[in-house]
Amino acid sequence: MGNLLLIDFWASWCLPCREEFPELECIYKQNKSIGFNILRVSIDDSHLKWLNAIEKDKITWENVISPGGFKILITVDFQIFAIPSNYLLNKEGVVIAKDVNTQELDSVLKKKTHW
């Protein structure tokens, strides 16, 4: 893991999730060389819809799918009740923020207070 990891829960059918991709992509490209990474966890039930969304939105960071919606173990463990939802972890794996929007994320990355 790098210095900061954003674990971002989403689905292909979630319009707010997908609307933030362009800004998140810009933040990712600006900060990946200094240890920022993103892991997107899809709760889609359809692998095809998930893959099509990744291709259409031209997502370049790591993506995994955990089919089953809000009833799967990972969403229960992370207490995900709605999406988009995310956790920002430092290099020790400690959660330093939850449900940050792109402006808040950009601010944290610029301050580098948790690196």
PDB file of N, CA and C in Angstrom:
ATOM      1  N   MET A   1       0.853  -1.170   0.000  1.00  0.00           N
ATOM      2  CA  MET A   1       0.000   0.000   0.000  1.00  0.00           C
ATOM      3  C   MET A   1       0.898   1.232   0.000  1.00  0.00           C
ATOM      4  N   GLY A   2       0.419   2.303  -0.638  1.00  0.00           N
ATOM      5  CA  GLY A   2       1.150   3.561  -0.659  1.00  0.00           C
ATOM      6  C   GLY A   2       0.951   4.321   0.637  1.00  0.00           C
ATOM      7  N   ASN A   3       1.075   5.610   0.537  1.00  0.00           N
ATOM      8  CA  ASN A   3       0.936   6.455   1.713  1.00  0.00           C
ATOM      9  C   ASN A   3      -0.517   6.672   2.120  1.00  0.00           C
ATOM     10  N   LEU A   4      -1.390   6.832   1.147  1.00  0.00           N
ATOM     11  CA  LEU A   4      -2.820   6.969   1.403  1.00  0.00           C
ATOM     12  C   LEU A   4      -3.586   6.108   0.416  1.00  0.00           C
ATOM     13  N   LEU A   5      -4.625   5.468   0.908  1.00  0.00           N
ATOM     14  CA  LEU A   5      -5.475   4.622   0.071  1.00  0.00           C
ATOM     15  C   LEU A   5      -6.919   5.026   0.274  1.00  0.00           C
ATOM     16  N   LEU A   6      -7.597   5.301  -0.815  1.00  0.00           N
ATOM     17  CA  LEU A   6      -9.023   5.571  -0.787  1.00  0.00           C
ATOM     18  C   LEU A   6      -9.743   4.298  -1.198  1.00  0.00           C
ATOM     19  N   ILE A   7     -10.520   3.715  -0.297  1.00  0.00           N
ATOM     20  CA  ILE A   7     -11.373   2.575  -0.634  1.00  0.00           C
ATOM     21  C   ILE A   7     -12.740   3.158  -0.925  1.00  0.00           C
ATOM     22  N   ASP A   8     -13.159   3.040  -2.168  1.00  0.00           N
ATOM     23  CA  ASP A   8     -14.356   3.715  -2.645  1.00  0.00           C
ATOM     24  C   ASP A   8     -15.393   2.695  -3.096  1.00  0.00           C
ATOM     25  N   PHE A   9     -16.543   2.710  -2.466  1.00  0.00           N
ATOM     26  CA  PHE A   9     -17.634   1.791  -2.797  1.00  0.00           C
ATOM     27  C   PHE A   9     -18.545   2.456  -3.824  1.00  0.00           C
ATOM     28  N   TRP A  10     -18.900   1.698  -4.870  1.00  0.00           N
ATOM     29  CA  TRP A  10     -19.695   2.244  -5.953  1.00  0.00           C
ATOM     30  C   TRP A  10     -20.430   1.132  -6.679  1.00  0.00           C
ATOM     31  N   ALA A  11     -21.204   1.494  -7.704  1.00  0.00           N
ATOM     32  CA  ALA A  11     -21.866   0.531  -8.593  1.00  0.00           C
ATOM     33  C   ALA A  11     -22.124   1.211  -9.934  1.00  0.00           C
ATOM     34  N   SER A  12     -22.231   0.422 -10.962  1.00  0.00           N
ATOM     35  CA  SER A  12     -22.430   0.973 -12.308  1.00  0.00           C
ATOM     36  C   SER A  12     -23.737   1.740 -12.423  1.00  0.00           C
ATOM     37  N   TRP A  13     -24.726   1.370 -11.640  1.00  0.00           N
ATOM     38  CA  TRP A  13     -26.036   2.024 -11.694  1.00  0.00           C
ATOM     39  C   TRP A  13     -26.119   3.280 -10.824  1.00  0.00           C
ATOM     40  N   CYS A  14     -25.060   3.614 -10.112  1.00  0.00           N
ATOM     41  CA  CYS A  14     -25.042   4.759  -9.200  1.00  0.00           C
ATOM     42  C   CYS A  14     -24.537   6.001  -9.941  1.00  0.00           C
ATOM     43  N   LEU A  15     -25.443   6.852 -10.364  1.00  0.00           N
ATOM     44  CA  LEU A  15     -25.072   8.047 -11.108  1.00  0.00           C
ATOM     45  C   LEU A  15     -24.157   8.986 -10.310  1.00  0.00           C
ATOM     46  N   PRO A  16     -24.445   9.278  -9.035  1.00  0.00           N
ATOM     47  CA  PRO A  16     -23.516  10.131  -8.273  1.00  0.00           C
ATOM     48  C   PRO A  16     -22.107   9.539  -8.173  1.00  0.00           C
ATOM     49  N   CYS A  17     -22.015   8.219  -8.092  1.00  0.00           N
ATOM     50  CA  CYS A  17     -20.700   7.568  -8.048  1.00  0.00           C
ATOM     51  C   CYS A  17     -19.924   7.852  -9.323  1.00  0.00           C
ATOM     52  N   ARG A  18     -20.591   7.700 -10.425  1.00  0.00           N
ATOM     53  CA  ARG A  18     -19.921   7.824 -11.716  1.00  0.00           C
ATOM     54  C   ARG A  18     -19.680   9.273 -12.110  1.00  0.00           C
ATOM     55  N   GLU A  19     -20.496  10.182 -11.611  1.00  0.00           N
ATOM     56  CA  GLU A  19     -20.311  11.594 -11.930  1.00  0.00           C
ATOM     57  C   GLU A  19     -19.021  12.144 -11.317  1.00  0.00           C
ATOM     58  N   GLU A  20     -18.567  11.550 -10.223  1.00  0.00           N
ATOM     59  CA  GLU A  20     -17.349  12.048  -9.588  1.00  0.00           C
ATOM     60  C   GLU A  20     -16.070  11.470 -10.212  1.00  0.00           C
ATOM     61  N   PHE A  21     -16.176  10.500 -11.112  1.00  0.00           N
ATOM     62  CA  PHE A  21     -15.007   9.867 -11.712  1.00  0.00           C
ATOM     63  C   PHE A  21     -14.039  10.859 -12.361  1.00  0.00           C
ATOM     64  N   PRO A  22     -14.499  11.796 -13.192  1.00  0.00           N
ATOM     65  CA  PRO A  22     -13.530  12.687 -13.845  1.00  0.00           C
ATOM     66  C   PRO A  22     -12.678  13.486 -12.852  1.00  0.00           C
ATOM     67  N   GLU A  23     -13.294  14.036 -11.828  1.00  0.00           N
ATOM     68  CA  GLU A  23     -12.546  14.796 -10.837  1.00  0.00           C
ATOM     69  C   GLU A  23     -11.641  13.883 -10.013  1.00  0.00           C
ATOM     70  N   LEU A  24     -12.137  12.713  -9.671  1.00  0.00           N
ATOM     71  CA  LEU A  24     -11.331  11.748  -8.930  1.00  0.00           C
ATOM     72  C   LEU A  24     -10.147  11.280  -9.770  1.00  0.00           C
ATOM     73  N   GLU A  25     -10.360  11.103 -11.049  1.00  0.00           N
ATOM     74  CA  GLU A  25      -9.280  10.710 -11.961  1.00  0.00           C
ATOM     75  C   GLU A  25      -8.182  11.772 -11.975  1.00  0.00           C
ATOM     76  N   CYS A  26      -8.574  13.028 -11.999  1.00  0.00           N
ATOM     77  CA  CYS A  26      -7.608  14.123 -11.995  1.00  0.00           C
ATOM     78  C   CYS A  26      -6.793  14.107 -10.696  1.00  0.00           C
ATOM     79  N   ILE A  27      -7.458  13.939  -9.564  1.00  0.00           N
ATOM     80  CA  ILE A  27      -6.780  13.871  -8.267  1.00  0.00           C
ATOM     81  C   ILE A  27      -5.832  12.679  -8.226  1.00  0.00           C
ATOM     82  N   TYR A  28      -6.290  11.545  -8.743  1.00  0.00           N
ATOM     83  CA  TYR A  28      -5.467  10.336  -8.770  1.00  0.00           C
ATOM     84  C   TYR A  28      -4.198  10.556  -9.598  1.00  0.00           C
ATOM     85  N   LYS A  29      -4.350  11.107 -10.794  1.00  0.00           N
ATOM     86  CA  LYS A  29      -3.196  11.315 -11.670  1.00  0.00           C
ATOM     87  C   LYS A  29      -2.194  12.289 -11.057  1.00  0.00           C
ATOM     88  N   GLN A  30      -2.697  13.291 -10.351  1.00  0.00           N
ATOM     89  CA  GLN A  30      -1.816  14.285  -9.738  1.00  0.00           C
ATOM     90  C   GLN A  30      -1.052  13.727  -8.545  1.00  0.00           C
ATOM     91  N   ASN A  31      -1.577  12.688  -7.897  1.00  0.00           N
ATOM     92  CA  ASN A  31      -1.006  12.237  -6.631  1.00  0.00           C
ATOM     93  C   ASN A  31      -0.501  10.801  -6.598  1.00  0.00           C
ATOM     94  N   LYS A  32      -0.711  10.025  -7.648  1.00  0.00           N
ATOM     95  CA  LYS A  32      -0.301   8.620  -7.603  1.00  0.00           C
ATOM     96  C   LYS A  32       1.210   8.455  -7.482  1.00  0.00           C
ATOM     97  N   SER A  33       1.966   9.376  -8.037  1.00  0.00           N
ATOM     98  CA  SER A  33       3.427   9.264  -7.979  1.00  0.00           C
ATOM     99  C   SER A  33       3.979   9.514  -6.574  1.00  0.00           C
ATOM    100  N   ILE A  34       3.174  10.102  -5.705  1.00  0.00           N
ATOM    101  CA  ILE A  34       3.624  10.362  -4.333  1.00  0.00           C
ATOM    102  C   ILE A  34       2.955   9.434  -3.320  1.00  0.00           C
ATOM    103  N   GLY A  35       2.359   8.342  -3.829  1.00  0.00           N
ATOM    104  CA  GLY A  35       1.871   7.311  -2.923  1.00  0.00           C
ATOM    105  C   GLY A  35       0.385   7.269  -2.676  1.00  0.00           C
ATOM    106  N   PHE A  36      -0.402   8.021  -3.439  1.00  0.00           N
ATOM    107  CA  PHE A  36      -1.860   7.957  -3.296  1.00  0.00           C
ATOM    108  C   PHE A  36      -2.404   6.896  -4.236  1.00  0.00           C
ATOM    109  N   ASN A  37      -3.318   6.073  -3.729  1.00  0.00           N
ATOM    110  CA  ASN A  37      -3.917   5.037  -4.557  1.00  0.00           C
ATOM    111  C   ASN A  37      -5.402   4.945  -4.251  1.00  0.00           C
ATOM    112  N   ILE A  38      -6.131   4.361  -5.181  1.00  0.00           N
ATOM    113  CA  ILE A  38      -7.574   4.173  -5.047  1.00  0.00           C
ATOM    114  C   ILE A  38      -7.889   2.708  -5.299  1.00  0.00           C
ATOM    115  N   LEU A  39      -8.746   2.171  -4.486  1.00  0.00           N
ATOM    116  CA  LEU A  39      -9.320   0.841  -4.717  1.00  0.00           C
ATOM    117  C   LEU A  39     -10.821   1.028  -4.744  1.00  0.00           C
ATOM    118  N   ARG A  40     -11.417   0.780  -5.883  1.00  0.00           N
ATOM    119  CA  ARG A  40     -12.868   0.906  -6.011  1.00  0.00           C
ATOM    120  C   ARG A  40     -13.478  -0.475  -5.861  1.00  0.00           C
ATOM    121  N   VAL A  41     -14.484  -0.550  -5.011  1.00  0.00           N
ATOM    122  CA  VAL A  41     -15.171  -1.808  -4.735  1.00  0.00           C
ATOM    123  C   VAL A  41     -16.602  -1.661  -5.236  1.00  0.00           C
ATOM    124  N   SER A  42     -16.922  -2.393  -6.275  1.00  0.00           N
ATOM    125  CA  SER A  42     -18.263  -2.343  -6.843  1.00  0.00           C
ATOM    126  C   SER A  42     -19.163  -3.366  -6.158  1.00  0.00           C
ATOM    127  N   ILE A  43     -20.387  -2.949  -5.917  1.00  0.00           N
ATOM    128  CA  ILE A  43     -21.369  -3.879  -5.354  1.00  0.00           C
ATOM    129  C   ILE A  43     -22.395  -4.285  -6.414  1.00  0.00           C
ATOM    130  N   ASP A  44     -22.004  -4.159  -7.679  1.00  0.00           N
ATOM    131  CA  ASP A  44     -22.859  -4.569  -8.790  1.00  0.00           C
ATOM    132  C   ASP A  44     -23.176  -6.060  -8.717  1.00  0.00           C
ATOM    133  N   ASP A  45     -24.325  -6.433  -9.240  1.00  0.00           N
ATOM    134  CA  ASP A  45     -24.664  -7.843  -9.370  1.00  0.00           C
ATOM    135  C   ASP A  45     -24.243  -8.399 -10.727  1.00  0.00           C
ATOM    136  N   SER A  46     -23.945  -7.508 -11.654  1.00  0.00           N
ATOM    137  CA  SER A  46     -23.603  -7.916 -13.009  1.00  0.00           C
ATOM    138  C   SER A  46     -22.147  -7.578 -13.329  1.00  0.00           C
ATOM    139  N   HIS A  47     -21.359  -8.631 -13.596  1.00  0.00           N
ATOM    140  CA  HIS A  47     -19.969  -8.406 -14.000  1.00  0.00           C
ATOM    141  C   HIS A  47     -19.904  -7.598 -15.294  1.00  0.00           C
ATOM    142  N   LEU A  48     -20.816  -7.870 -16.216  1.00  0.00           N
ATOM    143  CA  LEU A  48     -20.811  -7.185 -17.504  1.00  0.00           C
ATOM    144  C   LEU A  48     -21.081  -5.690 -17.332  1.00  0.00           C
ATOM    145  N   LYS A  49     -22.057  -5.317 -16.523  1.00  0.00           N
ATOM    146  CA  LYS A  49     -22.347  -3.892 -16.293  1.00  0.00           C
ATOM    147  C   LYS A  49     -21.173  -3.213 -15.593  1.00  0.00           C
ATOM    148  N   TRP A  50     -20.552  -3.910 -14.656  1.00  0.00           N
ATOM    149  CA  TRP A  50     -19.387  -3.389 -13.947  1.00  0.00           C
ATOM    150  C   TRP A  50     -18.240  -3.138 -14.924  1.00  0.00           C
ATOM    151  N   LEU A  51     -17.915  -4.130 -15.752  1.00  0.00           N
ATOM    152  CA  LEU A  51     -16.827  -3.983 -16.726  1.00  0.00           C
ATOM    153  C   LEU A  51     -17.127  -2.900 -17.756  1.00  0.00           C
ATOM    154  N   ASN A  52     -18.380  -2.828 -18.197  1.00  0.00           N
ATOM    155  CA  ASN A  52     -18.757  -1.792 -19.161  1.00  0.00           C
ATOM    156  C   ASN A  52     -18.599  -0.398 -18.570  1.00  0.00           C
ATOM    157  N   ALA A  53     -18.964  -0.232 -17.311  1.00  0.00           N
ATOM    158  CA  ALA A  53     -18.820   1.073 -16.648  1.00  0.00           C
ATOM    159  C   ALA A  53     -17.351   1.458 -16.535  1.00  0.00           C
ATOM    160  N   ILE A  54     -16.501   0.508 -16.180  1.00  0.00           N
ATOM    161  CA  ILE A  54     -15.057   0.776 -16.072  1.00  0.00           C
ATOM    162  C   ILE A  54     -14.503   1.213 -17.436  1.00  0.00           C
ATOM    163  N   GLU A  55     -14.906   0.501 -18.474  1.00  0.00           N
ATOM    164  CA  GLU A  55     -14.430   0.828 -19.815  1.00  0.00           C
ATOM    165  C   GLU A  55     -14.974   2.176 -20.279  1.00  0.00           C
ATOM    166  N   LYS A  56     -16.263   2.395 -20.109  1.00  0.00           N
ATOM    167  CA  LYS A  56     -16.891   3.639 -20.560  1.00  0.00           C
ATOM    168  C   LYS A  56     -16.316   4.849 -19.824  1.00  0.00           C
ATOM    169  N   ASP A  57     -16.100   4.722 -18.529  1.00  0.00           N
ATOM    170  CA  ASP A  57     -15.608   5.837 -17.724  1.00  0.00           C
ATOM    171  C   ASP A  57     -14.082   5.947 -17.744  1.00  0.00           C
ATOM    172  N   LYS A  58     -13.415   4.984 -18.397  1.00  0.00           N
ATOM    173  CA  LYS A  58     -11.953   4.985 -18.553  1.00  0.00           C
ATOM    174  C   LYS A  58     -11.237   5.068 -17.205  1.00  0.00           C
ATOM    175  N   ILE A  59     -11.646   4.208 -16.302  1.00  0.00           N
ATOM    176  CA  ILE A  59     -11.069   4.177 -14.962  1.00  0.00           C
ATOM    177  C   ILE A  59      -9.716   3.479 -15.022  1.00  0.00           C
ATOM    178  N   THR A  60      -8.699   4.104 -14.428  1.00  0.00           N
ATOM    179  CA  THR A  60      -7.337   3.581 -14.533  1.00  0.00           C
ATOM    180  C   THR A  60      -6.805   2.993 -13.233  1.00  0.00           C
ATOM    181  N   TRP A  61      -7.530   3.140 -12.134  1.00  0.00           N
ATOM    182  CA  TRP A  61      -7.044   2.602 -10.870  1.00  0.00           C
ATOM    183  C   TRP A  61      -7.661   1.229 -10.620  1.00  0.00           C
ATOM    184  N   GLU A  62      -7.255   0.606  -9.527  1.00  0.00           N
ATOM    185  CA  GLU A  62      -7.699  -0.758  -9.212  1.00  0.00           C
ATOM    186  C   GLU A  62      -9.204  -0.815  -8.944  1.00  0.00           C
ATOM    187  N   ASN A  63      -9.840  -1.841  -9.500  1.00  0.00           N
ATOM    188  CA  ASN A  63     -11.261  -2.084  -9.312  1.00  0.00           C
ATOM    189  C   ASN A  63     -11.485  -3.550  -9.000  1.00  0.00           C
ATOM    190  N   VAL A  64     -12.371  -3.794  -8.063  1.00  0.00           N
ATOM    191  CA  VAL A  64     -12.801  -5.155  -7.772  1.00  0.00           C
ATOM    192  C   VAL A  64     -14.314  -5.139  -7.674  1.00  0.00           C
ATOM    193  N   ILE A  65     -14.908  -6.293  -7.805  1.00  0.00           N
ATOM    194  CA  ILE A  65     -16.351  -6.409  -7.676  1.00  0.00           C
ATOM    195  C   ILE A  65     -16.661  -7.411  -6.576  1.00  0.00           C
ATOM    196  N   SER A  66     -17.640  -7.058  -5.780  1.00  0.00           N
ATOM    197  CA  SER A  66     -18.132  -7.936  -4.728  1.00  0.00           C
ATOM    198  C   SER A  66     -19.650  -7.978  -4.865  1.00  0.00           C
ATOM    199  N   PRO A  67     -20.141  -8.844  -5.763  1.00  0.00           N
ATOM    200  CA  PRO A  67     -21.567  -8.856  -6.083  1.00  0.00           C
ATOM    201  C   PRO A  67     -22.441  -9.151  -4.863  1.00  0.00           C
ATOM    202  N   GLY A  68     -23.584  -8.523  -4.856  1.00  0.00           N
ATOM    203  CA  GLY A  68     -24.543  -8.812  -3.800  1.00  0.00           C
ATOM    204  C   GLY A  68     -25.138  -7.598  -3.130  1.00  0.00           C
ATOM    205  N   GLY A  69     -24.808  -6.421  -3.630  1.00  0.00           N
ATOM    206  CA  GLY A  69     -25.407  -5.207  -3.085  1.00  0.00           C
ATOM    207  C   GLY A  69     -24.998  -4.948  -1.646  1.00  0.00           C
ATOM    208  N   PHE A  70     -25.930  -4.449  -0.873  1.00  0.00           N
ATOM    209  CA  PHE A  70     -25.649  -4.037   0.498  1.00  0.00           C
ATOM    210  C   PHE A  70     -25.700  -5.191   1.499  1.00  0.00           C
ATOM    211  N   LYS A  71     -25.919  -6.415   1.018  1.00  0.00           N
ATOM    212  CA  LYS A  71     -26.007  -7.565   1.920  1.00  0.00           C
ATOM    213  C   LYS A  71     -24.712  -8.372   2.003  1.00  0.00           C
ATOM    214  N   ILE A  72     -23.712  -7.976   1.245  1.00  0.00           N
ATOM    215  CA  ILE A  72     -22.460  -8.728   1.245  1.00  0.00           C
ATOM    216  C   ILE A  72     -21.628  -8.367   2.467  1.00  0.00           C
ATOM    217  N   LEU A  73     -20.743  -9.263   2.832  1.00  0.00           N
ATOM    218  CA  LEU A  73     -19.953  -9.115   4.050  1.00  0.00           C
ATOM    219  C   LEU A  73     -19.148  -7.823   4.088  1.00  0.00           C
ATOM    220  N   ILE A  74     -18.541  -7.447   2.967  1.00  0.00           N
ATOM    221  CA  ILE A  74     -17.697  -6.251   2.985  1.00  0.00           C
ATOM    222  C   ILE A  74     -18.514  -4.992   3.273  1.00  0.00           C
ATOM    223  N   THR A  75     -19.725  -4.881   2.741  1.00  0.00           N
ATOM    224  CA  THR A  75     -20.538  -3.700   3.022  1.00  0.00           C
ATOM    225  C   THR A  75     -21.047  -3.714   4.455  1.00  0.00           C
ATOM    226  N   VAL A  76     -21.275  -4.885   4.987  1.00  0.00           N
ATOM    227  CA  VAL A  76     -21.683  -4.995   6.392  1.00  0.00           C
ATOM    228  C   VAL A  76     -20.504  -4.619   7.289  1.00  0.00           C
ATOM    229  N   ASP A  77     -19.325  -5.170   7.003  1.00  0.00           N
ATOM    230  CA  ASP A  77     -18.128  -4.884   7.808  1.00  0.00           C
ATOM    231  C   ASP A  77     -17.765  -3.397   7.785  1.00  0.00           C
ATOM    232  N   PHE A  78     -17.881  -2.780   6.622  1.00  0.00           N
ATOM    233  CA  PHE A  78     -17.535  -1.369   6.494  1.00  0.00           C
ATOM    234  C   PHE A  78     -18.726  -0.443   6.793  1.00  0.00           C
ATOM    235  N   GLN A  79     -19.857  -1.025   7.151  1.00  0.00           N
ATOM    236  CA  GLN A  79     -21.067  -0.267   7.468  1.00  0.00           C
ATOM    237  C   GLN A  79     -21.461   0.666   6.317  1.00  0.00           C
ATOM    238  N   ILE A  80     -21.545   0.095   5.125  1.00  0.00           N
ATOM    239  CA  ILE A  80     -21.958   0.829   3.941  1.00  0.00           C
ATOM    240  C   ILE A  80     -23.461   0.648   3.766  1.00  0.00           C
ATOM    241  N   PHE A  81     -24.193   1.749   3.886  1.00  0.00           N
ATOM    242  CA  PHE A  81     -25.649   1.710   3.770  1.00  0.00           C
ATOM    243  C   PHE A  81     -26.135   2.449   2.526  1.00  0.00           C
ATOM    244  N   ALA A  82     -25.245   3.204   1.906  1.00  0.00           N
ATOM    245  CA  ALA A  82     -25.567   3.958   0.696  1.00  0.00           C
ATOM    246  C   ALA A  82     -24.263   4.196  -0.054  1.00  0.00           C
ATOM    247  N   ILE A  83     -24.371   4.425  -1.349  1.00  0.00           N
ATOM    248  CA  ILE A  83     -23.196   4.743  -2.137  1.00  0.00           C
ATOM    249  C   ILE A  83     -23.467   6.028  -2.907  1.00  0.00           C
ATOM    250  N   PRO A  84     -22.444   6.794  -3.245  1.00  0.00           N
ATOM    251  CA  PRO A  84     -21.038   6.517  -3.011  1.00  0.00           C
ATOM    252  C   PRO A  84     -20.684   6.615  -1.531  1.00  0.00           C
ATOM    253  N   SER A  85     -19.719   5.820  -1.143  1.00  0.00           N
ATOM    254  CA  SER A  85     -19.198   5.830   0.214  1.00  0.00           C
ATOM    255  C   SER A  85     -17.727   5.459   0.130  1.00  0.00           C
ATOM    256  N   ASN A  86     -16.915   6.027   1.024  1.00  0.00           N
ATOM    257  CA  ASN A  86     -15.491   5.723   0.955  1.00  0.00           C
ATOM    258  C   ASN A  86     -14.827   5.847   2.309  1.00  0.00           C
ATOM    259  N   TYR A  87     -13.644   5.280   2.373  1.00  0.00           N
ATOM    260  CA  TYR A  87     -12.757   5.356   3.539  1.00  0.00           C
ATOM    261  C   TYR A  87     -11.381   5.761   3.040  1.00  0.00           C
ATOM    262  N   LEU A  88     -10.758   6.699   3.730  1.00  0.00           N
ATOM    263  CA  LEU A  88      -9.394   7.093   3.421  1.00  0.00           C
ATOM    264  C   LEU A  88      -8.493   6.556   4.518  1.00  0.00           C
ATOM    265  N   LEU A  89      -7.521   5.725   4.124  1.00  0.00           N
ATOM    266  CA  LEU A  89      -6.618   5.084   5.081  1.00  0.00           C
ATOM    267  C   LEU A  89      -5.200   5.613   4.912  1.00  0.00           C
ATOM    268  N   ASN A  90      -4.499   5.742   6.036  1.00  0.00           N
ATOM    269  CA  ASN A  90      -3.086   6.123   5.950  1.00  0.00           C
ATOM    270  C   ASN A  90      -2.244   4.876   5.731  1.00  0.00           C
ATOM    271  N   LYS A  91      -0.925   5.033   5.693  1.00  0.00           N
ATOM    272  CA  LYS A  91      -0.057   3.899   5.352  1.00  0.00           C
ATOM    273  C   LYS A  91      -0.060   2.803   6.408  1.00  0.00           C
ATOM    274  N   GLU A  92      -0.518   3.101   7.620  1.00  0.00           N
ATOM    275  CA  GLU A  92      -0.643   2.079   8.666  1.00  0.00           C
ATOM    276  C   GLU A  92      -2.005   1.374   8.613  1.00  0.00           C
ATOM    277  N   GLY A  93      -2.867   1.790   7.685  1.00  0.00           N
ATOM    278  CA  GLY A  93      -4.189   1.188   7.558  1.00  0.00           C
ATOM    279  C   GLY A  93      -5.220   1.792   8.498  1.00  0.00           C
ATOM    280  N   VAL A  94      -4.887   2.928   9.098  1.00  0.00           N
ATOM    281  CA  VAL A  94      -5.805   3.611  10.009  1.00  0.00           C
ATOM    282  C   VAL A  94      -6.733   4.508   9.200  1.00  0.00           C
ATOM    283  N   VAL A  95      -8.030   4.422   9.482  1.00  0.00           N
ATOM    284  CA  VAL A  95      -9.001   5.270   8.798  1.00  0.00           C
ATOM    285  C   VAL A  95      -8.819   6.702   9.290  1.00  0.00           C
ATOM    286  N   ILE A  96      -8.532   7.603   8.354  1.00  0.00           N
ATOM    287  CA  ILE A  96      -8.356   9.005   8.727  1.00  0.00           C
ATOM    288  C   ILE A  96      -9.517   9.876   8.258  1.00  0.00           C
ATOM    289  N   ALA A  97     -10.377   9.329   7.388  1.00  0.00           N
ATOM    290  CA  ALA A  97     -11.561  10.057   6.934  1.00  0.00           C
ATOM    291  C   ALA A  97     -12.555   9.067   6.348  1.00  0.00           C
ATOM    292  N   LYS A  98     -13.820   9.433   6.420  1.00  0.00           N
ATOM    293  CA  LYS A  98     -14.889   8.605   5.850  1.00  0.00           C
ATOM    294  C   LYS A  98     -15.794   9.506   5.024  1.00  0.00           C
ATOM    295  N   ASP A  99     -16.196   9.005   3.885  1.00  0.00           N
ATOM    296  CA  ASP A  99     -17.110   9.702   2.985  1.00  0.00           C
ATOM    297  C   ASP A  99     -16.637  11.099   2.614  1.00  0.00           C
ATOM    298  N   VAL A 100     -15.360  11.187   2.234  1.00  0.00           N
ATOM    299  CA  VAL A 100     -14.819  12.459   1.772  1.00  0.00           C
ATOM    300  C   VAL A 100     -15.250  12.711   0.329  1.00  0.00           C
ATOM    301  N   ASN A 101     -15.615  13.951   0.044  1.00  0.00           N
ATOM    302  CA  ASN A 101     -15.894  14.288  -1.347  1.00  0.00           C
ATOM    303  C   ASN A 101     -14.577  14.660  -2.020  1.00  0.00           C
ATOM    304  N   THR A 102     -14.609  14.935  -3.299  1.00  0.00           N
ATOM    305  CA  THR A 102     -13.361  15.160  -4.023  1.00  0.00           C
ATOM    306  C   THR A 102     -12.647  16.435  -3.554  1.00  0.00           C
ATOM    307  N   GLN A 103     -13.389  17.451  -3.152  1.00  0.00           N
ATOM    308  CA  GLN A 103     -12.757  18.674  -2.655  1.00  0.00           C
ATOM    309  C   GLN A 103     -12.032  18.403  -1.331  1.00  0.00           C
ATOM    310  N   GLU A 104     -12.670  17.659  -0.440  1.00  0.00           N
ATOM    311  CA  GLU A 104     -12.037  17.311   0.836  1.00  0.00           C
ATOM    312  C   GLU A 104     -10.810  16.430   0.609  1.00  0.00           C
ATOM    313  N   LEU A 105     -10.925  15.480  -0.290  1.00  0.00           N
ATOM    314  CA  LEU A 105      -9.806  14.593  -0.603  1.00  0.00           C
ATOM    315  C   LEU A 105      -8.627  15.396  -1.152  1.00  0.00           C
ATOM    316  N   ASP A 106      -8.898  16.285  -2.070  1.00  0.00           N
ATOM    317  CA  ASP A 106      -7.849  17.111  -2.647  1.00  0.00           C
ATOM    318  C   ASP A 106      -7.168  17.951  -1.564  1.00  0.00           C
ATOM    319  N   SER A 107      -7.948  18.461  -0.637  1.00  0.00           N
ATOM    320  CA  SER A 107      -7.396  19.255   0.461  1.00  0.00           C
ATOM    321  C   SER A 107      -6.476  18.425   1.358  1.00  0.00           C
ATOM    322  N   VAL A 108      -6.903  17.201   1.697  1.00  0.00           N
ATOM    323  CA  VAL A 108      -6.079  16.312   2.514  1.00  0.00           C
ATOM    324  C   VAL A 108      -4.769  15.988   1.806  1.00  0.00           C
ATOM    325  N   LEU A 109      -4.851  15.724   0.523  1.00  0.00           N
ATOM    326  CA  LEU A 109      -3.657  15.373  -0.235  1.00  0.00           C
ATOM    327  C   LEU A 109      -2.698  16.552  -0.358  1.00  0.00           C
ATOM    328  N   LYS A 110      -3.221  17.747  -0.461  1.00  0.00           N
ATOM    329  CA  LYS A 110      -2.360  18.931  -0.557  1.00  0.00           C
ATOM    330  C   LYS A 110      -1.679  19.233   0.779  1.00  0.00           C
ATOM    331  N   LYS A 111      -2.396  18.991   1.868  1.00  0.00           N
ATOM    332  CA  LYS A 111      -1.818  19.269   3.200  1.00  0.00           C
ATOM    333  C   LYS A 111      -0.800  18.219   3.603  1.00  0.00           C
ATOM    334  N   LYS A 112      -1.029  16.993   3.158  1.00  0.00           N
ATOM    335  CA  LYS A 112      -0.148  15.863   3.494  1.00  0.00           C
ATOM    336  C   LYS A 112       0.040  15.697   5.014  1.00  0.00           C
ATOM    337  N   THR A 113      -1.003  16.004   5.752  1.00  0.00           N
ATOM    338  CA  THR A 113      -0.898  15.925   7.214  1.00  0.00           C
ATOM    339  C   THR A 113      -0.913  14.499   7.724  1.00  0.00           C
ATOM    340  N   HIS A 114      -1.423  13.559   6.956  1.00  0.00           N
ATOM    341  CA  HIS A 114      -1.541  12.169   7.414  1.00  0.00           C
ATOM    342  C   HIS A 114      -0.587  11.231   6.693  1.00  0.00           C
ATOM    343  N   TRP A 115       0.362  11.776   5.957  1.00  0.00           N
ATOM    344  CA  TRP A 115       1.276  10.960   5.176  1.00  0.00           C
ATOM    345  C   TRP A 115       2.326  10.474   6.093  1.00  0.00           C
TER     346      TRP A 115
END
